[in-house]
Structures are given as structure tokens and as C-alpha cells.
Amino acid sequence: MAPLHTPLSVVFALCAALSNAVATVLQRKAALTVPRSEGLRAGLMLDLLRRPVWLAGILAVIAAAVCQALALANGPLTIVQPLFVLELPLTLVVASLLMNRRLPGKGWLAVAVVVAGLAVALFAASPTGNRTHVALDRWVPALAVCMGLVVALAVAALRRPEGRARAACLGAATAISYAVTAALMKAATHILEEQGVAGFFSAWQTYAFAATGVCALFLLENAMQAGPLVASQPALTLGDALVSLALGISLYEEEIRSGWWLLPQLFGVALIAAGLLALARIPLTRSLVAPEEEPRTG
């Protein structure tokens, strides 16, 4: 991997996380301006399309996707995906600025803990390597295992009533789907770079990452409705980073430090988990990410 590629991938990954945070806040802000209903309402999308704020949120989603693709094209999966741990903290910071919603002191402390944990984990891991091609015989077992885990987690979730266990299972299934989407997107972006548009649209990886992305969004919506955010968010955020780490090592032959370096890596992960758990308990988080948890008024 060229040395200059890693800083570039970090910049693009941070831009993607920030764009996703802005999109969440803008779309939530737009949703607060349309009539609420108990069930599905056919005119909801038409109402939202008339809101410039919602359209700005869609543009932010597109910008995030482009930035993520550029990040994956320029750096290892094991660096890019863990940086998306910052998406929730960034969402709360953006919300405090754009929606005049105060983030309490314990929220800022939790944000600092997440950032510190990510810095410690990435420094200790020091991921290297950036293959551009993955043979099909590597993809087949990796996709089979990931798909099997997603199905198993979804079935386990359906067998449980609404609550923490169901939300955690669906959050973990969403995390695996997001990690697989990123791994496939990385392959597709390299194909686009080397073979052009024709090669991109004729590659199976392009359609595979689109399909897994849709699956991830579907699972995410169900995870948010299945139980409290404190159950689904840590499984989702940490699961994405850990599965991406496994895919980066097994598919793209990326490497991380081993031996005693595993201790600070685990310490960093523990800090991230503690910070995310604290953030998931903040009312501002629930109002942005899981609006169905808001109390209804008569």
C-alpha cells in the first residue's frame, strides 16, 4: 500500500461518517415537520419531497456513499470501516448545532471516550495492506459464512419477543451486512478504477454490494423497532468494525499487530463499547435514531 493512501482514506472515511451524521439530523428534522400517523401513510414520501431539508439530507447520503467508496479505494478495509464508529458521536454533535438540542456533559464525555478508544485501538492495530483483487475462491466461503450468520441471527430475532435480545440480534445481523457491503464496494471501486464504467456494471461485485446494502437498510429499520437503542447500537457499531476487520484480513490479506499489542487493542474496543453504551442512553440519541421510542402525547 502506498504510504500516502492511508491518510487520504482516513480523510474520506471521516467525511463519509460526517455526511451520514448530517443526513440523519436533516432527515429527522424534516420528519418532525410532517404529520405523524400510527401506520404506513402513502403520502409520506410526497410530503418529505416538498421539504428542502429532507432533500439536503438525501444529498448528504449520496455524498457519504461517494466518500466511503473513495476511502475504500485508497485504504484498507481494516482502517476505513472502524472509523464509522464515529458516526453516532458526530450525529449528536451535529444535532446539537443544527437542531438546538443540548448535548449534556455526560454525552460529551462519552464522545471523548469513543474517540479515545478508537485512537488507541487503531494505533495498536496499525493495519497494513491494500490488495485490489480478491479471487472468487476467497469470496465464496466468506460470503457463505456471513450470509449464514445473518440468516441465523434474523431467525433467532424472530423467535424472541420485542426487547433487548431481539434488537441485539438484528443489530448484529445489520453489522455483518454493512461489513460485507463495504468489502464488496471496495472490490467494485477498484474494478471501476481499472476497467471503467463498462467493467463496473458488468462485475458481479457491483450488484452484490447493492443487494447487501438494501438488506442492511432493511435489517437496520427492523433493529430500531425491535427494542431499545442501547441493545442494538453497540452490536451494530462494534459488529461492523469487527466483521470488517475479519474480512479485511481474510479477503484482502490486510494485517494488524499481534502479540502484546492485542491488549491495548482490546482496551480501545472496551472504551468504544463503554462510550457507545453511554451515548445510546441519552434521550437526544433516541429522538434522532429511534423516533418510535418517543412518548406519544394526546
C-alpha atoms as a PDB file:
ATOM      1  CA  MET A   1       0.000   0.000   0.000  1.00  0.00           C
ATOM      2  CA  ALA A   2       1.368   3.402  -0.927  1.00  0.00           C
ATOM      3  CA  PRO A   3       2.104   5.426   2.229  1.00  0.00           C
ATOM      4  CA  LEU A   4       0.083   8.442   1.074  1.00  0.00           C
ATOM      5  CA  HIS A   5      -3.032   6.377   0.556  1.00  0.00           C
ATOM      6  CA  THR A   6      -3.761   5.772   4.228  1.00  0.00           C
ATOM      7  CA  PRO A   7      -4.145   9.457   5.251  1.00  0.00           C
ATOM      8  CA  LEU A   8      -6.320  10.002   2.191  1.00  0.00           C
ATOM      9  CA  SER A   9      -8.556   7.066   3.084  1.00  0.00           C
ATOM     10  CA  VAL A  10      -8.878   8.363   6.652  1.00  0.00           C
ATOM     11  CA  VAL A  11      -9.960  11.790   5.398  1.00  0.00           C
ATOM     12  CA  PHE A  12     -12.576  10.298   3.070  1.00  0.00           C
ATOM     13  CA  ALA A  13     -13.842   7.925   5.781  1.00  0.00           C
ATOM     14  CA  LEU A  14     -14.251  10.800   8.238  1.00  0.00           C
ATOM     15  CA  CYS A  15     -16.063  12.811   5.561  1.00  0.00           C
ATOM     16  CA  ALA A  16     -18.387   9.838   4.966  1.00  0.00           C
ATOM     17  CA  ALA A  17     -19.132   9.488   8.689  1.00  0.00           C
ATOM     18  CA  LEU A  18     -19.799  13.229   8.955  1.00  0.00           C
ATOM     19  CA  SER A  19     -22.047  13.188   5.875  1.00  0.00           C
ATOM     20  CA  ASN A  20     -24.056  10.296   7.316  1.00  0.00           C
ATOM     21  CA  ALA A  21     -24.381  12.228  10.579  1.00  0.00           C
ATOM     22  CA  VAL A  22     -25.619  15.332   8.765  1.00  0.00           C
ATOM     23  CA  ALA A  23     -28.057  13.197   6.741  1.00  0.00           C
ATOM     24  CA  THR A  24     -29.514  11.638   9.906  1.00  0.00           C
ATOM     25  CA  VAL A  25     -30.090  15.024  11.513  1.00  0.00           C
ATOM     26  CA  LEU A  26     -31.551  16.665   8.407  1.00  0.00           C
ATOM     27  CA  GLN A  27     -33.896  13.771   7.667  1.00  0.00           C
ATOM     28  CA  ARG A  28     -35.025  13.654  11.279  1.00  0.00           C
ATOM     29  CA  LYS A  29     -35.562  17.417  11.247  1.00  0.00           C
ATOM     30  CA  ALA A  30     -37.699  17.058   8.106  1.00  0.00           C
ATOM     31  CA  ALA A  31     -39.661  14.157   9.604  1.00  0.00           C
ATOM     32  CA  LEU A  32     -40.681  16.365  12.525  1.00  0.00           C
ATOM     33  CA  THR A  33     -42.430  18.753  10.130  1.00  0.00           C
ATOM     34  CA  VAL A  34     -44.781  16.210   8.512  1.00  0.00           C
ATOM     35  CA  PRO A  35     -47.960  14.763  10.035  1.00  0.00           C
ATOM     36  CA  ARG A  36     -47.454  11.601  12.123  1.00  0.00           C
ATOM     37  CA  SER A  37     -49.635   8.537  11.832  1.00  0.00           C
ATOM     38  CA  GLU A  38     -49.904   5.198  13.571  1.00  0.00           C
ATOM     39  CA  GLY A  39     -49.461   3.159  10.410  1.00  0.00           C
ATOM     40  CA  LEU A  40     -47.936   3.443   6.959  1.00  0.00           C
ATOM     41  CA  ARG A  41     -49.037   6.526   5.067  1.00  0.00           C
ATOM     42  CA  ALA A  42     -48.772   6.580   1.270  1.00  0.00           C
ATOM     43  CA  GLY A  43     -48.341  10.357   1.115  1.00  0.00           C
ATOM     44  CA  LEU A  44     -45.367  10.471   3.479  1.00  0.00           C
ATOM     45  CA  MET A  45     -42.754  10.487   0.719  1.00  0.00           C
ATOM     46  CA  LEU A  46     -44.616  13.213  -1.182  1.00  0.00           C
ATOM     47  CA  ASP A  47     -44.682  15.335   1.949  1.00  0.00           C
ATOM     48  CA  LEU A  48     -40.969  14.826   2.509  1.00  0.00           C
ATOM     49  CA  LEU A  49     -40.110  15.593  -1.122  1.00  0.00           C
ATOM     50  CA  ARG A  50     -41.541  19.068  -0.586  1.00  0.00           C
ATOM     51  CA  ARG A  51     -39.114  19.689   2.279  1.00  0.00           C
ATOM     52  CA  PRO A  52     -35.774  21.167   1.144  1.00  0.00           C
ATOM     53  CA  VAL A  53     -34.241  19.960   4.410  1.00  0.00           C
ATOM     54  CA  TRP A  54     -35.115  16.349   3.575  1.00  0.00           C
ATOM     55  CA  LEU A  55     -33.692  16.717   0.052  1.00  0.00           C
ATOM     56  CA  ALA A  56     -30.497  18.112   1.580  1.00  0.00           C
ATOM     57  CA  GLY A  57     -30.378  15.001   3.744  1.00  0.00           C
ATOM     58  CA  ILE A  58     -30.601  12.795   0.650  1.00  0.00           C
ATOM     59  CA  LEU A  59     -27.710  14.713  -0.919  1.00  0.00           C
ATOM     60  CA  ALA A  60     -25.726  14.094   2.261  1.00  0.00           C
ATOM     61  CA  VAL A  61     -26.444  10.349   1.960  1.00  0.00           C
ATOM     62  CA  ILE A  62     -25.133  10.383  -1.621  1.00  0.00           C
ATOM     63  CA  ALA A  63     -22.043  12.324  -0.543  1.00  0.00           C
ATOM     64  CA  ALA A  64     -21.425   9.769   2.213  1.00  0.00           C
ATOM     65  CA  ALA A  65     -21.608   6.878  -0.256  1.00  0.00           C
ATOM     66  CA  VAL A  66     -19.143   8.578  -2.616  1.00  0.00           C
ATOM     67  CA  CYS A  67     -16.742   9.362   0.228  1.00  0.00           C
ATOM     68  CA  GLN A  68     -16.923   5.791   1.519  1.00  0.00           C
ATOM     69  CA  ALA A  69     -16.162   4.416  -1.933  1.00  0.00           C
ATOM     70  CA  LEU A  70     -13.174   6.757  -2.263  1.00  0.00           C
ATOM     71  CA  ALA A  71     -11.964   5.787   1.204  1.00  0.00           C
ATOM     72  CA  LEU A  72     -12.164   2.078   0.394  1.00  0.00           C
ATOM     73  CA  ALA A  73     -10.403   2.645  -2.924  1.00  0.00           C
ATOM     74  CA  ASN A  74      -7.472   4.334  -1.172  1.00  0.00           C
ATOM     75  CA  GLY A  75      -7.043   2.383   2.039  1.00  0.00           C
ATOM     76  CA  PRO A  76      -7.516  -0.887   3.902  1.00  0.00           C
ATOM     77  CA  LEU A  77     -10.927  -2.098   4.971  1.00  0.00           C
ATOM     78  CA  THR A  78      -9.482  -2.509   8.466  1.00  0.00           C
ATOM     79  CA  ILE A  79      -8.918   1.257   8.723  1.00  0.00           C
ATOM     80  CA  VAL A  80     -11.911   2.651   6.847  1.00  0.00           C
ATOM     81  CA  GLN A  81     -14.787   0.756   8.480  1.00  0.00           C
ATOM     82  CA  PRO A  82     -13.719   1.155  12.122  1.00  0.00           C
ATOM     83  CA  LEU A  83     -13.753   4.938  11.593  1.00  0.00           C
ATOM     84  CA  PHE A  84     -17.526   4.727  11.103  1.00  0.00           C
ATOM     85  CA  VAL A  85     -17.703   4.160  14.859  1.00  0.00           C
ATOM     86  CA  LEU A  86     -17.596   7.972  14.955  1.00  0.00           C
ATOM     87  CA  GLU A  87     -20.905   8.293  13.110  1.00  0.00           C
ATOM     88  CA  LEU A  88     -23.071   8.258  16.254  1.00  0.00           C
ATOM     89  CA  PRO A  89     -20.932  10.802  18.163  1.00  0.00           C
ATOM     90  CA  LEU A  90     -20.842  13.042  15.083  1.00  0.00           C
ATOM     91  CA  THR A  91     -24.623  12.753  14.715  1.00  0.00           C
ATOM     92  CA  LEU A  92     -25.124  14.039  18.248  1.00  0.00           C
ATOM     93  CA  VAL A  93     -22.671  16.890  17.767  1.00  0.00           C
ATOM     94  CA  VAL A  94     -24.361  17.930  14.501  1.00  0.00           C
ATOM     95  CA  ALA A  95     -27.788  17.676  16.149  1.00  0.00           C
ATOM     96  CA  SER A  96     -26.696  19.925  18.991  1.00  0.00           C
ATOM     97  CA  LEU A  97     -25.691  22.539  16.394  1.00  0.00           C
ATOM     98  CA  LEU A  98     -28.481  22.258  13.804  1.00  0.00           C
ATOM     99  CA  MET A  99     -31.467  21.395  15.991  1.00  0.00           C
ATOM    100  CA  ASN A 100     -30.669  23.435  19.095  1.00  0.00           C
ATOM    101  CA  ARG A 101     -30.711  20.238  21.153  1.00  0.00           C
ATOM    102  CA  ARG A 102     -28.233  20.454  24.009  1.00  0.00           C
ATOM    103  CA  LEU A 103     -25.851  17.540  24.447  1.00  0.00           C
ATOM    104  CA  PRO A 104     -25.351  17.018  28.206  1.00  0.00           C
ATOM    105  CA  GLY A 105     -21.936  16.928  29.812  1.00  0.00           C
ATOM    106  CA  LYS A 106     -22.017  13.144  30.154  1.00  0.00           C
ATOM    107  CA  GLY A 107     -22.714  12.993  26.413  1.00  0.00           C
ATOM    108  CA  TRP A 108     -19.591  14.989  25.600  1.00  0.00           C
ATOM    109  CA  LEU A 109     -17.628  12.750  27.955  1.00  0.00           C
ATOM    110  CA  ALA A 110     -18.959   9.655  26.151  1.00  0.00           C
ATOM    111  CA  VAL A 111     -17.985  11.181  22.784  1.00  0.00           C
ATOM    112  CA  ALA A 112     -14.466  11.749  24.093  1.00  0.00           C
ATOM    113  CA  VAL A 113     -14.283   8.147  25.351  1.00  0.00           C
ATOM    114  CA  VAL A 114     -15.329   6.773  21.933  1.00  0.00           C
ATOM    115  CA  VAL A 115     -12.758   8.927  20.119  1.00  0.00           C
ATOM    116  CA  ALA A 116     -10.013   7.961  22.562  1.00  0.00           C
ATOM    117  CA  GLY A 117     -10.894   4.273  22.319  1.00  0.00           C
ATOM    118  CA  LEU A 118     -10.835   4.363  18.521  1.00  0.00           C
ATOM    119  CA  ALA A 119      -7.473   6.136  18.517  1.00  0.00           C
ATOM    120  CA  VAL A 120      -5.968   3.580  20.915  1.00  0.00           C
ATOM    121  CA  ALA A 121      -7.379   0.588  19.003  1.00  0.00           C
ATOM    122  CA  LEU A 122      -6.238   1.799  15.579  1.00  0.00           C
ATOM    123  CA  PHE A 123      -2.789   2.830  16.824  1.00  0.00           C
ATOM    124  CA  ALA A 124      -2.290  -0.544  18.495  1.00  0.00           C
ATOM    125  CA  ALA A 125      -3.602  -2.495  15.492  1.00  0.00           C
ATOM    126  CA  SER A 126      -1.726  -0.399  12.893  1.00  0.00           C
ATOM    127  CA  PRO A 127      -3.463  -2.095   9.910  1.00  0.00           C
ATOM    128  CA  THR A 128      -1.418  -2.512   6.717  1.00  0.00           C
ATOM    129  CA  GLY A 129      -2.022  -3.918   3.238  1.00  0.00           C
ATOM    130  CA  ASN A 130      -4.365  -2.901   0.458  1.00  0.00           C
ATOM    131  CA  ARG A 131      -4.998  -5.592  -2.147  1.00  0.00           C
ATOM    132  CA  THR A 132      -7.094  -4.597  -5.126  1.00  0.00           C
ATOM    133  CA  HIS A 133      -8.183  -8.050  -6.300  1.00  0.00           C
ATOM    134  CA  VAL A 134      -9.810 -10.907  -4.404  1.00  0.00           C
ATOM    135  CA  ALA A 135     -10.128 -14.300  -6.034  1.00  0.00           C
ATOM    136  CA  LEU A 136     -13.566 -15.906  -6.271  1.00  0.00           C
ATOM    137  CA  ASP A 137     -12.453 -18.867  -4.166  1.00  0.00           C
ATOM    138  CA  ARG A 138     -11.949 -16.407  -1.293  1.00  0.00           C
ATOM    139  CA  TRP A 139     -15.293 -14.684  -1.799  1.00  0.00           C
ATOM    140  CA  VAL A 140     -17.411 -17.849  -1.806  1.00  0.00           C
ATOM    141  CA  PRO A 141     -16.644 -19.117   1.728  1.00  0.00           C
ATOM    142  CA  ALA A 142     -16.595 -15.589   3.200  1.00  0.00           C
ATOM    143  CA  LEU A 143     -19.996 -14.705   1.726  1.00  0.00           C
ATOM    144  CA  ALA A 144     -21.439 -18.084   2.680  1.00  0.00           C
ATOM    145  CA  VAL A 145     -20.371 -17.700   6.312  1.00  0.00           C
ATOM    146  CA  CYS A 146     -21.620 -14.108   6.532  1.00  0.00           C
ATOM    147  CA  MET A 147     -24.952 -14.905   4.878  1.00  0.00           C
ATOM    148  CA  GLY A 148     -25.388 -17.904   7.164  1.00  0.00           C
ATOM    149  CA  LEU A 149     -24.752 -15.751  10.242  1.00  0.00           C
ATOM    150  CA  VAL A 150     -27.190 -13.074   9.052  1.00  0.00           C
ATOM    151  CA  VAL A 151     -29.921 -15.650   8.476  1.00  0.00           C
ATOM    152  CA  ALA A 152     -29.242 -17.334  11.827  1.00  0.00           C
ATOM    153  CA  LEU A 153     -29.376 -14.015  13.684  1.00  0.00           C
ATOM    154  CA  ALA A 154     -32.563 -12.972  11.883  1.00  0.00           C
ATOM    155  CA  VAL A 155     -34.246 -16.289  12.728  1.00  0.00           C
ATOM    156  CA  ALA A 156     -33.097 -16.010  16.355  1.00  0.00           C
ATOM    157  CA  ALA A 157     -34.526 -12.481  16.494  1.00  0.00           C
ATOM    158  CA  LEU A 158     -37.891 -13.585  15.110  1.00  0.00           C
ATOM    159  CA  ARG A 159     -38.145 -16.276  17.790  1.00  0.00           C
ATOM    160  CA  ARG A 160     -37.877 -13.677  20.532  1.00  0.00           C
ATOM    161  CA  PRO A 161     -40.388 -11.050  21.629  1.00  0.00           C
ATOM    162  CA  GLU A 162     -39.658  -7.375  21.159  1.00  0.00           C
ATOM    163  CA  GLY A 163     -36.932  -6.298  23.533  1.00  0.00           C
ATOM    164  CA  ARG A 164     -33.187  -6.195  24.068  1.00  0.00           C
ATOM    165  CA  ALA A 165     -32.379  -9.693  22.778  1.00  0.00           C
ATOM    166  CA  ARG A 166     -34.289  -9.201  19.535  1.00  0.00           C
ATOM    167  CA  ALA A 167     -32.758  -5.763  18.960  1.00  0.00           C
ATOM    168  CA  ALA A 168     -29.252  -7.063  19.645  1.00  0.00           C
ATOM    169  CA  CYS A 169     -29.651  -9.969  17.196  1.00  0.00           C
ATOM    170  CA  LEU A 170     -30.939  -7.693  14.442  1.00  0.00           C
ATOM    171  CA  GLY A 171     -28.245  -5.135  15.214  1.00  0.00           C
ATOM    172  CA  ALA A 172     -25.569  -7.808  14.811  1.00  0.00           C
ATOM    173  CA  ALA A 173     -27.155  -9.013  11.548  1.00  0.00           C
ATOM    174  CA  THR A 174     -27.155  -5.419  10.275  1.00  0.00           C
ATOM    175  CA  ALA A 175     -23.499  -5.035  11.220  1.00  0.00           C
ATOM    176  CA  ILE A 176     -22.490  -8.117   9.234  1.00  0.00           C
ATOM    177  CA  SER A 177     -24.469  -6.883   6.235  1.00  0.00           C
ATOM    178  CA  TYR A 178     -22.804  -3.463   6.368  1.00  0.00           C
ATOM    179  CA  ALA A 179     -19.337  -5.031   6.627  1.00  0.00           C
ATOM    180  CA  VAL A 180     -19.989  -7.302   3.637  1.00  0.00           C
ATOM    181  CA  THR A 181     -21.355  -4.328   1.681  1.00  0.00           C
ATOM    182  CA  ALA A 182     -18.143  -2.397   2.356  1.00  0.00           C
ATOM    183  CA  ALA A 183     -15.942  -5.341   1.342  1.00  0.00           C
ATOM    184  CA  LEU A 184     -17.833  -5.742  -1.939  1.00  0.00           C
ATOM    185  CA  MET A 185     -17.870  -1.976  -2.535  1.00  0.00           C
ATOM    186  CA  LYS A 186     -14.095  -1.913  -2.166  1.00  0.00           C
ATOM    187  CA  ALA A 187     -13.750  -4.545  -4.896  1.00  0.00           C
ATOM    188  CA  ALA A 188     -16.234  -2.732  -7.147  1.00  0.00           C
ATOM    189  CA  THR A 189     -14.438   0.615  -6.805  1.00  0.00           C
ATOM    190  CA  HIS A 190     -11.153  -0.953  -7.854  1.00  0.00           C
ATOM    191  CA  ILE A 191     -12.896  -2.500 -10.867  1.00  0.00           C
ATOM    192  CA  LEU A 192     -14.291   0.928 -11.779  1.00  0.00           C
ATOM    193  CA  GLU A 193     -10.826   2.447 -11.468  1.00  0.00           C
ATOM    194  CA  GLU A 194      -9.131  -0.188 -13.598  1.00  0.00           C
ATOM    195  CA  GLN A 195     -11.816  -1.231 -16.101  1.00  0.00           C
ATOM    196  CA  GLY A 196     -14.042   1.819 -16.332  1.00  0.00           C
ATOM    197  CA  VAL A 197     -17.819   2.115 -16.259  1.00  0.00           C
ATOM    198  CA  ALA A 198     -18.383  -0.896 -18.518  1.00  0.00           C
ATOM    199  CA  GLY A 199     -16.352  -3.157 -16.257  1.00  0.00           C
ATOM    200  CA  PHE A 200     -18.054  -1.739 -13.173  1.00  0.00           C
ATOM    201  CA  PHE A 201     -21.573  -2.507 -14.396  1.00  0.00           C
ATOM    202  CA  SER A 202     -20.610  -5.945 -15.659  1.00  0.00           C
ATOM    203  CA  ALA A 203     -18.976  -7.028 -12.379  1.00  0.00           C
ATOM    204  CA  TRP A 204     -20.961  -9.227 -10.004  1.00  0.00           C
ATOM    205  CA  GLN A 205     -19.494  -7.345  -7.036  1.00  0.00           C
ATOM    206  CA  THR A 206     -21.397  -4.207  -8.078  1.00  0.00           C
ATOM    207  CA  TYR A 207     -24.795  -5.883  -7.879  1.00  0.00           C
ATOM    208  CA  ALA A 208     -23.806  -7.855  -4.796  1.00  0.00           C
ATOM    209  CA  PHE A 209     -22.903  -4.763  -2.784  1.00  0.00           C
ATOM    210  CA  ALA A 210     -26.123  -3.066  -3.909  1.00  0.00           C
ATOM    211  CA  ALA A 211     -28.154  -6.081  -2.756  1.00  0.00           C
ATOM    212  CA  THR A 212     -26.370  -6.405   0.584  1.00  0.00           C
ATOM    213  CA  GLY A 213     -26.735  -2.665   1.124  1.00  0.00           C
ATOM    214  CA  VAL A 214     -30.504  -2.885   0.698  1.00  0.00           C
ATOM    215  CA  CYS A 215     -30.557  -5.880   3.054  1.00  0.00           C
ATOM    216  CA  ALA A 216     -28.568  -3.906   5.626  1.00  0.00           C
ATOM    217  CA  LEU A 217     -31.014  -0.989   5.495  1.00  0.00           C
ATOM    218  CA  PHE A 218     -33.968  -3.342   5.901  1.00  0.00           C
ATOM    219  CA  LEU A 219     -32.394  -5.037   8.901  1.00  0.00           C
ATOM    220  CA  LEU A 220     -31.454  -1.669  10.403  1.00  0.00           C
ATOM    221  CA  GLU A 221     -35.030  -0.399  10.326  1.00  0.00           C
ATOM    222  CA  ASN A 222     -36.243  -3.583  11.993  1.00  0.00           C
ATOM    223  CA  ALA A 223     -33.482  -3.426  14.605  1.00  0.00           C
ATOM    224  CA  MET A 224     -34.533   0.094  15.563  1.00  0.00           C
ATOM    225  CA  GLN A 225     -38.130  -1.041  16.017  1.00  0.00           C
ATOM    226  CA  ALA A 226     -37.319  -4.296  17.825  1.00  0.00           C
ATOM    227  CA  GLY A 227     -36.106  -2.879  21.110  1.00  0.00           C
ATOM    228  CA  PRO A 228     -34.135  -0.173  22.912  1.00  0.00           C
ATOM    229  CA  LEU A 229     -31.254   1.514  21.151  1.00  0.00           C
ATOM    230  CA  VAL A 230     -28.917   0.577  23.988  1.00  0.00           C
ATOM    231  CA  ALA A 231     -29.238  -3.049  22.850  1.00  0.00           C
ATOM    232  CA  SER A 232     -28.922  -2.630  19.065  1.00  0.00           C
ATOM    233  CA  GLN A 233     -26.414   0.239  18.709  1.00  0.00           C
ATOM    234  CA  PRO A 234     -23.335  -1.383  20.325  1.00  0.00           C
ATOM    235  CA  ALA A 235     -23.925  -4.627  18.413  1.00  0.00           C
ATOM    236  CA  LEU A 236     -24.330  -2.664  15.193  1.00  0.00           C
ATOM    237  CA  THR A 237     -21.374  -0.315  15.584  1.00  0.00           C
ATOM    238  CA  LEU A 238     -18.823  -2.688  17.073  1.00  0.00           C
ATOM    239  CA  GLY A 239     -20.035  -5.589  14.935  1.00  0.00           C
ATOM    240  CA  ASP A 240     -19.434  -3.626  11.727  1.00  0.00           C
ATOM    241  CA  ALA A 241     -15.876  -2.781  12.775  1.00  0.00           C
ATOM    242  CA  LEU A 242     -15.017  -6.316  13.950  1.00  0.00           C
ATOM    243  CA  VAL A 243     -16.520  -8.127  10.955  1.00  0.00           C
ATOM    244  CA  SER A 244     -14.810  -5.650   8.614  1.00  0.00           C
ATOM    245  CA  LEU A 245     -11.557  -6.436  10.390  1.00  0.00           C
ATOM    246  CA  ALA A 246     -12.102 -10.157   9.798  1.00  0.00           C
ATOM    247  CA  LEU A 247     -12.999  -9.614   6.133  1.00  0.00           C
ATOM    248  CA  GLY A 248     -10.039  -7.321   5.586  1.00  0.00           C
ATOM    249  CA  ILE A 249      -7.680  -9.968   6.939  1.00  0.00           C
ATOM    250  CA  SER A 250      -9.292 -12.987   5.239  1.00  0.00           C
ATOM    251  CA  LEU A 251     -10.140 -11.438   1.868  1.00  0.00           C
ATOM    252  CA  TYR A 252      -7.678  -8.606   1.295  1.00  0.00           C
ATOM    253  CA  GLU A 253      -4.786 -10.075   3.301  1.00  0.00           C
ATOM    254  CA  GLU A 254      -4.552  -6.993   5.483  1.00  0.00           C
ATOM    255  CA  GLU A 255      -2.517  -7.329   8.665  1.00  0.00           C
ATOM    256  CA  ILE A 256      -2.709  -5.991  12.201  1.00  0.00           C
ATOM    257  CA  ARG A 257      -0.246  -6.170  15.066  1.00  0.00           C
ATOM    258  CA  SER A 258      -0.448  -9.254  17.251  1.00  0.00           C
ATOM    259  CA  GLY A 259       1.223 -10.385  20.457  1.00  0.00           C
ATOM    260  CA  TRP A 260       1.108  -7.929  23.348  1.00  0.00           C
ATOM    261  CA  TRP A 261      -0.414  -5.298  21.029  1.00  0.00           C
ATOM    262  CA  LEU A 262      -3.705  -7.184  21.418  1.00  0.00           C
ATOM    263  CA  LEU A 263      -4.023  -5.832  24.962  1.00  0.00           C
ATOM    264  CA  PRO A 264      -4.257  -2.127  24.004  1.00  0.00           C
ATOM    265  CA  GLN A 265      -6.462  -3.126  21.076  1.00  0.00           C
ATOM    266  CA  LEU A 266      -8.917  -4.791  23.464  1.00  0.00           C
ATOM    267  CA  PHE A 267      -8.675  -1.821  25.812  1.00  0.00           C
ATOM    268  CA  GLY A 268      -9.576   0.509  22.941  1.00  0.00           C
ATOM    269  CA  VAL A 269     -12.543  -1.662  21.987  1.00  0.00           C
ATOM    270  CA  ALA A 270     -13.701  -1.643  25.616  1.00  0.00           C
ATOM    271  CA  LEU A 271     -13.536   2.166  25.685  1.00  0.00           C
ATOM    272  CA  ILE A 272     -15.546   2.369  22.454  1.00  0.00           C
ATOM    273  CA  ALA A 273     -18.187  -0.008  23.816  1.00  0.00           C
ATOM    274  CA  ALA A 274     -18.483   1.951  27.061  1.00  0.00           C
ATOM    275  CA  GLY A 275     -18.814   5.236  25.202  1.00  0.00           C
ATOM    276  CA  LEU A 276     -21.430   3.886  22.799  1.00  0.00           C
ATOM    277  CA  LEU A 277     -23.489   2.414  25.633  1.00  0.00           C
ATOM    278  CA  ALA A 278     -23.469   5.787  27.365  1.00  0.00           C
ATOM    279  CA  LEU A 279     -24.428   7.621  24.160  1.00  0.00           C
ATOM    280  CA  ALA A 280     -27.244   5.169  23.422  1.00  0.00           C
ATOM    281  CA  ARG A 281     -28.858   6.037  26.765  1.00  0.00           C
ATOM    282  CA  ILE A 282     -29.002   9.778  26.041  1.00  0.00           C
ATOM    283  CA  PRO A 283     -32.546  10.997  25.162  1.00  0.00           C
ATOM    284  CA  LEU A 284     -31.164  13.022  22.231  1.00  0.00           C
ATOM    285  CA  THR A 285     -29.856   9.803  20.654  1.00  0.00           C
ATOM    286  CA  ARG A 286     -33.207   8.047  20.931  1.00  0.00           C
ATOM    287  CA  SER A 287     -35.075  11.003  19.468  1.00  0.00           C
ATOM    288  CA  LEU A 288     -32.785  11.080  16.424  1.00  0.00           C
ATOM    289  CA  VAL A 289     -32.193   7.419  15.666  1.00  0.00           C
ATOM    290  CA  ALA A 290     -35.213   5.705  17.163  1.00  0.00           C
ATOM    291  CA  PRO A 291     -38.158   8.101  16.990  1.00  0.00           C
ATOM    292  CA  GLU A 292     -40.631   5.348  17.832  1.00  0.00           C
ATOM    293  CA  GLU A 293     -39.262   5.344  21.379  1.00  0.00           C
ATOM    294  CA  GLU A 294     -40.510   8.883  21.937  1.00  0.00           C
ATOM    295  CA  PRO A 295     -43.532   9.074  24.233  1.00  0.00           C
ATOM    296  CA  ARG A 296     -46.736   9.899  22.425  1.00  0.00           C
ATOM    297  CA  THR A 297     -48.853  12.774  23.613  1.00  0.00           C
ATOM    298  CA  GLY A 298     -52.562  13.023  23.426  1.00  0.00           C
END
